[in-house]
Amino acid sequence: MVETKLKVGGMSCGHCKMHVEKAISGVAGVSYVDVDLDKGEAEVSYDETVTDIDAIKKAVNESGYKA
């Protein structure tokens, strides 16, 4: 299991936070995600045998935010 923090740009409200959490949690292999709106970052735990940080960043970017 890998734990990392990822900077996320473009969030401005609670809805943005929920949208980013949903996008990241939808990536296979992600077991935990917590988005901090004030810090503009996401704390993520994932199984490196299933996914990688690039796939997580792609999910964030495709949801309309900047990873």
C-alpha atoms as a PDB file:
ATOM      1  CA  MET A   1       0.000   0.000   0.000  1.00  0.00           C
ATOM      2  CA  VAL A   2       1.315   3.435  -0.972  1.00  0.00           C
ATOM      3  CA  GLU A   3       0.235   6.612   0.813  1.00  0.00           C
ATOM      4  CA  THR A   4       0.770   9.954  -0.890  1.00  0.00           C
ATOM      5  CA  LYS A   5      -0.443  13.536  -0.985  1.00  0.00           C
ATOM      6  CA  LEU A   6      -1.439  15.069  -4.266  1.00  0.00           C
ATOM      7  CA  LYS A   7      -1.891  18.776  -4.977  1.00  0.00           C
ATOM      8  CA  VAL A   8      -5.278  19.522  -6.561  1.00  0.00           C
ATOM      9  CA  GLY A   9      -6.041  22.877  -8.166  1.00  0.00           C
ATOM     10  CA  GLY A  10      -9.356  24.413  -9.118  1.00  0.00           C
ATOM     11  CA  MET A  11     -11.407  23.452  -6.069  1.00  0.00           C
ATOM     12  CA  SER A  12     -13.452  26.217  -4.458  1.00  0.00           C
ATOM     13  CA  CYS A  13     -16.280  24.579  -2.499  1.00  0.00           C
ATOM     14  CA  GLY A  14     -17.563  21.458  -0.792  1.00  0.00           C
ATOM     15  CA  HIS A  15     -19.062  20.212  -4.041  1.00  0.00           C
ATOM     16  CA  CYS A  16     -15.626  20.394  -5.682  1.00  0.00           C
ATOM     17  CA  LYS A  17     -14.164  18.394  -2.782  1.00  0.00           C
ATOM     18  CA  MET A  18     -16.815  15.687  -3.139  1.00  0.00           C
ATOM     19  CA  HIS A  19     -16.331  15.562  -6.914  1.00  0.00           C
ATOM     20  CA  VAL A  20     -12.564  15.041  -6.582  1.00  0.00           C
ATOM     21  CA  GLU A  21     -13.025  12.407  -3.854  1.00  0.00           C
ATOM     22  CA  LYS A  22     -15.485  10.545  -6.049  1.00  0.00           C
ATOM     23  CA  ALA A  23     -13.128  10.674  -9.054  1.00  0.00           C
ATOM     24  CA  ILE A  24     -10.164   9.359  -7.056  1.00  0.00           C
ATOM     25  CA  SER A  25     -12.124   6.681  -5.208  1.00  0.00           C
ATOM     26  CA  GLY A  26     -13.377   5.415  -8.574  1.00  0.00           C
ATOM     27  CA  VAL A  27      -9.854   4.382  -9.559  1.00  0.00           C
ATOM     28  CA  ALA A  28      -9.348   0.643  -9.077  1.00  0.00           C
ATOM     29  CA  GLY A  29      -6.863  -0.022  -6.279  1.00  0.00           C
ATOM     30  CA  VAL A  30      -7.582   3.144  -4.294  1.00  0.00           C
ATOM     31  CA  SER A  31      -8.497   2.226  -0.723  1.00  0.00           C
ATOM     32  CA  TYR A  32      -8.606   5.652   0.941  1.00  0.00           C
ATOM     33  CA  VAL A  33      -9.005   9.260  -0.152  1.00  0.00           C
ATOM     34  CA  ASP A  34      -9.438  12.436   1.860  1.00  0.00           C
ATOM     35  CA  VAL A  35      -9.478  15.811   0.138  1.00  0.00           C
ATOM     36  CA  ASP A  36      -8.530  18.915   2.123  1.00  0.00           C
ATOM     37  CA  LEU A  37     -10.203  21.863   0.422  1.00  0.00           C
ATOM     38  CA  ASP A  38      -8.280  24.492   2.403  1.00  0.00           C
ATOM     39  CA  LYS A  39      -4.870  22.984   1.612  1.00  0.00           C
ATOM     40  CA  GLY A  40      -5.820  22.086  -1.969  1.00  0.00           C
ATOM     41  CA  GLU A  41      -4.576  18.545  -1.665  1.00  0.00           C
ATOM     42  CA  ALA A  42      -5.743  14.958  -1.556  1.00  0.00           C
ATOM     43  CA  GLU A  43      -4.358  12.268   0.715  1.00  0.00           C
ATOM     44  CA  VAL A  44      -4.569   8.942  -1.102  1.00  0.00           C
ATOM     45  CA  SER A  45      -3.754   5.316  -0.248  1.00  0.00           C
ATOM     46  CA  TYR A  46      -3.596   2.846  -3.106  1.00  0.00           C
ATOM     47  CA  ASP A  47      -2.344  -0.606  -4.046  1.00  0.00           C
ATOM     48  CA  GLU A  48       0.657  -0.091  -6.330  1.00  0.00           C
ATOM     49  CA  THR A  49       0.108  -3.515  -7.911  1.00  0.00           C
ATOM     50  CA  VAL A  50      -3.273  -2.333  -9.217  1.00  0.00           C
ATOM     51  CA  THR A  51      -2.800   1.362 -10.055  1.00  0.00           C
ATOM     52  CA  ASP A  52      -0.284   4.192  -9.973  1.00  0.00           C
ATOM     53  CA  ILE A  53      -0.141   7.918  -9.287  1.00  0.00           C
ATOM     54  CA  ASP A  54      -0.497   8.738 -13.002  1.00  0.00           C
ATOM     55  CA  ALA A  55      -3.884   6.990 -13.160  1.00  0.00           C
ATOM     56  CA  ILE A  56      -5.028   8.910 -10.091  1.00  0.00           C
ATOM     57  CA  LYS A  57      -3.855  12.229 -11.553  1.00  0.00           C
ATOM     58  CA  LYS A  58      -5.630  11.371 -14.812  1.00  0.00           C
ATOM     59  CA  ALA A  59      -8.910  10.770 -12.943  1.00  0.00           C
ATOM     60  CA  VAL A  60      -8.579  14.158 -11.220  1.00  0.00           C
ATOM     61  CA  ASN A  61      -7.790  15.951 -14.481  1.00  0.00           C
ATOM     62  CA  GLU A  62     -10.656  14.242 -16.312  1.00  0.00           C
ATOM     63  CA  SER A  63     -13.052  15.369 -13.579  1.00  0.00           C
ATOM     64  CA  GLY A  64     -12.238  19.001 -14.369  1.00  0.00           C
ATOM     65  CA  TYR A  65      -9.558  19.779 -11.789  1.00  0.00           C
ATOM     66  CA  LYS A  66      -5.786  20.043 -12.002  1.00  0.00           C
ATOM     67  CA  ALA A  67      -3.533  17.430 -10.402  1.00  0.00           C
END
